[in-house]
């Protein structure tokens, strides 16, 4: 059974969460307005960036239903934008590893050597 490296896993997860949070913070100022939140209230959810970055819409009780729906929609859009950005960053970071793995395995096969156990 391979050993895992929890420190590296935590750092990788932390980086991706930071990417999501940064992107949510950048888009949370525009997405609620695009979803129908009035301009006067559109900047207010910016204080709830941490909640939106975890996928929670900042909807207090007593909010009118149409405004609640617009806040939820804007928060979902901001969260998904952050999630898509983190997926793109993950892909970019995985590509060199995949290329190195492919380059490291191809020469041994071409030279007629087989891995142990074959």
C-alpha atoms as a PDB file:
ATOM      1  CA  UNK A   1       0.000   0.000   0.000  1.00  0.00           C
ATOM      2  CA  UNK A   2       1.523   3.354  -0.998  1.00  0.00           C
ATOM      3  CA  UNK A   3       2.208   5.893   1.668  1.00  0.00           C
ATOM      4  CA  UNK A   4       0.347   9.160   1.425  1.00  0.00           C
ATOM      5  CA  UNK A   5       1.843  12.527   2.134  1.00  0.00           C
ATOM      6  CA  UNK A   6      -0.802  14.403   4.107  1.00  0.00           C
ATOM      7  CA  UNK A   7       1.220  17.625   4.222  1.00  0.00           C
ATOM      8  CA  UNK A   8       1.252  17.871   0.444  1.00  0.00           C
ATOM      9  CA  UNK A   9      -2.432  17.042   0.230  1.00  0.00           C
ATOM     10  CA  UNK A  10      -3.326  19.778   2.709  1.00  0.00           C
ATOM     11  CA  UNK A  11      -1.196  22.320   0.874  1.00  0.00           C
ATOM     12  CA  UNK A  12      -2.747  21.426  -2.472  1.00  0.00           C
ATOM     13  CA  UNK A  13      -6.241  21.687  -1.047  1.00  0.00           C
ATOM     14  CA  UNK A  14      -5.371  24.995   0.596  1.00  0.00           C
ATOM     15  CA  UNK A  15      -4.100  26.396  -2.690  1.00  0.00           C
ATOM     16  CA  UNK A  16      -7.284  25.377  -4.497  1.00  0.00           C
ATOM     17  CA  UNK A  17      -9.484  26.854  -1.759  1.00  0.00           C
ATOM     18  CA  UNK A  18      -7.497  30.100  -1.999  1.00  0.00           C
ATOM     19  CA  UNK A  19      -8.026  30.149  -5.769  1.00  0.00           C
ATOM     20  CA  UNK A  20     -11.766  29.621  -5.280  1.00  0.00           C
ATOM     21  CA  UNK A  21     -11.930  32.348  -2.615  1.00  0.00           C
ATOM     22  CA  UNK A  22      -9.985  34.846  -4.698  1.00  0.00           C
ATOM     23  CA  UNK A  23     -12.159  34.254  -7.750  1.00  0.00           C
ATOM     24  CA  UNK A  24     -15.363  34.425  -5.686  1.00  0.00           C
ATOM     25  CA  UNK A  25     -14.203  37.718  -4.190  1.00  0.00           C
ATOM     26  CA  UNK A  26     -13.533  39.107  -7.641  1.00  0.00           C
ATOM     27  CA  UNK A  27     -16.857  38.046  -9.154  1.00  0.00           C
ATOM     28  CA  UNK A  28     -19.136  38.505  -6.150  1.00  0.00           C
ATOM     29  CA  UNK A  29     -19.257  42.226  -6.834  1.00  0.00           C
ATOM     30  CA  UNK A  30     -20.744  41.713 -10.312  1.00  0.00           C
ATOM     31  CA  UNK A  31     -22.653  38.422 -10.279  1.00  0.00           C
ATOM     32  CA  UNK A  32     -25.461  39.403  -7.860  1.00  0.00           C
ATOM     33  CA  UNK A  33     -26.224  42.514  -9.936  1.00  0.00           C
ATOM     34  CA  UNK A  34     -26.298  40.359 -13.060  1.00  0.00           C
ATOM     35  CA  UNK A  35     -28.734  38.007 -11.327  1.00  0.00           C
ATOM     36  CA  UNK A  36     -31.182  40.796 -10.501  1.00  0.00           C
ATOM     37  CA  UNK A  37     -30.040  42.122  -7.125  1.00  0.00           C
ATOM     38  CA  UNK A  38     -30.581  45.905  -7.034  1.00  0.00           C
ATOM     39  CA  UNK A  39     -27.375  47.948  -7.436  1.00  0.00           C
ATOM     40  CA  UNK A  40     -27.759  49.428  -3.939  1.00  0.00           C
ATOM     41  CA  UNK A  41     -27.589  45.935  -2.432  1.00  0.00           C
ATOM     42  CA  UNK A  42     -25.266  44.230  -4.921  1.00  0.00           C
ATOM     43  CA  UNK A  43     -22.074  45.113  -3.018  1.00  0.00           C
ATOM     44  CA  UNK A  44     -23.401  43.972   0.354  1.00  0.00           C
ATOM     45  CA  UNK A  45     -22.729  40.211  -0.102  1.00  0.00           C
ATOM     46  CA  UNK A  46     -19.020  41.012  -0.607  1.00  0.00           C
ATOM     47  CA  UNK A  47     -18.647  40.742   3.180  1.00  0.00           C
ATOM     48  CA  UNK A  48     -19.843  37.156   2.932  1.00  0.00           C
ATOM     49  CA  UNK A  49     -17.089  36.002   0.554  1.00  0.00           C
ATOM     50  CA  UNK A  50     -16.046  33.161   2.861  1.00  0.00           C
ATOM     51  CA  UNK A  51     -19.575  31.769   2.974  1.00  0.00           C
ATOM     52  CA  UNK A  52     -20.007  31.996  -0.795  1.00  0.00           C
ATOM     53  CA  UNK A  53     -16.554  30.411  -1.319  1.00  0.00           C
ATOM     54  CA  UNK A  54     -17.856  27.328   0.521  1.00  0.00           C
ATOM     55  CA  UNK A  55     -21.047  27.254  -1.548  1.00  0.00           C
ATOM     56  CA  UNK A  56     -23.385  28.939   0.940  1.00  0.00           C
ATOM     57  CA  UNK A  57     -25.521  31.877  -0.174  1.00  0.00           C
ATOM     58  CA  UNK A  58     -25.710  34.726   2.392  1.00  0.00           C
ATOM     59  CA  UNK A  59     -29.503  34.893   2.695  1.00  0.00           C
ATOM     60  CA  UNK A  60     -30.813  36.211   6.036  1.00  0.00           C
ATOM     61  CA  UNK A  61     -34.310  35.430   7.213  1.00  0.00           C
ATOM     62  CA  UNK A  62     -37.041  37.866   6.254  1.00  0.00           C
ATOM     63  CA  UNK A  63     -35.581  38.647   2.836  1.00  0.00           C
ATOM     64  CA  UNK A  64     -38.227  39.005   0.093  1.00  0.00           C
ATOM     65  CA  UNK A  65     -38.459  35.909  -2.113  1.00  0.00           C
ATOM     66  CA  UNK A  66     -37.457  37.619  -5.361  1.00  0.00           C
ATOM     67  CA  UNK A  67     -34.419  39.221  -3.728  1.00  0.00           C
ATOM     68  CA  UNK A  68     -33.538  35.916  -2.031  1.00  0.00           C
ATOM     69  CA  UNK A  69     -33.642  34.111  -5.390  1.00  0.00           C
ATOM     70  CA  UNK A  70     -31.424  36.770  -6.989  1.00  0.00           C
ATOM     71  CA  UNK A  71     -28.871  36.589  -4.139  1.00  0.00           C
ATOM     72  CA  UNK A  72     -28.791  32.793  -4.315  1.00  0.00           C
ATOM     73  CA  UNK A  73     -28.367  32.859  -8.102  1.00  0.00           C
ATOM     74  CA  UNK A  74     -25.583  35.467  -7.939  1.00  0.00           C
ATOM     75  CA  UNK A  75     -23.820  33.551  -5.152  1.00  0.00           C
ATOM     76  CA  UNK A  76     -24.066  30.291  -7.089  1.00  0.00           C
ATOM     77  CA  UNK A  77     -22.619  31.954 -10.193  1.00  0.00           C
ATOM     78  CA  UNK A  78     -19.713  33.414  -8.201  1.00  0.00           C
ATOM     79  CA  UNK A  79     -19.020  30.044  -6.533  1.00  0.00           C
ATOM     80  CA  UNK A  80     -19.125  28.147  -9.823  1.00  0.00           C
ATOM     81  CA  UNK A  81     -16.811  30.706 -11.414  1.00  0.00           C
ATOM     82  CA  UNK A  82     -14.330  30.107  -8.588  1.00  0.00           C
ATOM     83  CA  UNK A  83     -14.727  26.346  -8.910  1.00  0.00           C
ATOM     84  CA  UNK A  84     -14.111  26.448 -12.668  1.00  0.00           C
ATOM     85  CA  UNK A  85     -11.016  28.584 -12.140  1.00  0.00           C
ATOM     86  CA  UNK A  86      -9.628  26.142  -9.560  1.00  0.00           C
ATOM     87  CA  UNK A  87     -10.274  23.232 -11.945  1.00  0.00           C
ATOM     88  CA  UNK A  88      -8.344  25.058 -14.672  1.00  0.00           C
ATOM     89  CA  UNK A  89      -5.460  25.710 -12.259  1.00  0.00           C
ATOM     90  CA  UNK A  90      -5.464  22.028 -11.285  1.00  0.00           C
ATOM     91  CA  UNK A  91      -5.304  20.993 -14.931  1.00  0.00           C
ATOM     92  CA  UNK A  92      -2.424  23.348 -15.627  1.00  0.00           C
ATOM     93  CA  UNK A  93      -0.542  22.054 -12.574  1.00  0.00           C
ATOM     94  CA  UNK A  94      -1.154  18.397 -13.492  1.00  0.00           C
ATOM     95  CA  UNK A  95      -0.001  18.746 -17.080  1.00  0.00           C
ATOM     96  CA  UNK A  96       3.764  18.941 -16.335  1.00  0.00           C
ATOM     97  CA  UNK A  97       3.476  15.926 -14.038  1.00  0.00           C
ATOM     98  CA  UNK A  98       1.704  13.934 -16.717  1.00  0.00           C
ATOM     99  CA  UNK A  99       4.314  14.903 -19.310  1.00  0.00           C
ATOM    100  CA  UNK A 100       7.149  13.954 -16.951  1.00  0.00           C
ATOM    101  CA  UNK A 101       5.476  10.643 -16.174  1.00  0.00           C
ATOM    102  CA  UNK A 102       5.037   9.893 -19.869  1.00  0.00           C
ATOM    103  CA  UNK A 103       8.625  10.856 -20.625  1.00  0.00           C
ATOM    104  CA  UNK A 104       9.869   8.730 -17.741  1.00  0.00           C
ATOM    105  CA  UNK A 105       8.002   5.594 -18.792  1.00  0.00           C
ATOM    106  CA  UNK A 106       8.538   5.685 -22.552  1.00  0.00           C
ATOM    107  CA  UNK A 107      12.355   5.281 -22.669  1.00  0.00           C
ATOM    108  CA  UNK A 108      12.334   2.130 -20.519  1.00  0.00           C
ATOM    109  CA  UNK A 109       9.880   0.423 -22.866  1.00  0.00           C
ATOM    110  CA  UNK A 110      11.761   1.548 -25.956  1.00  0.00           C
ATOM    111  CA  UNK A 111      15.047   0.172 -24.610  1.00  0.00           C
ATOM    112  CA  UNK A 112      13.500  -3.281 -24.194  1.00  0.00           C
ATOM    113  CA  UNK A 113      13.403  -3.162 -20.422  1.00  0.00           C
ATOM    114  CA  UNK A 114      10.233  -4.205 -18.691  1.00  0.00           C
ATOM    115  CA  UNK A 115       9.092  -3.043 -15.274  1.00  0.00           C
ATOM    116  CA  UNK A 116       9.470  -5.482 -12.379  1.00  0.00           C
ATOM    117  CA  UNK A 117       6.656  -7.997 -12.227  1.00  0.00           C
ATOM    118  CA  UNK A 118       6.038  -8.256 -15.985  1.00  0.00           C
END
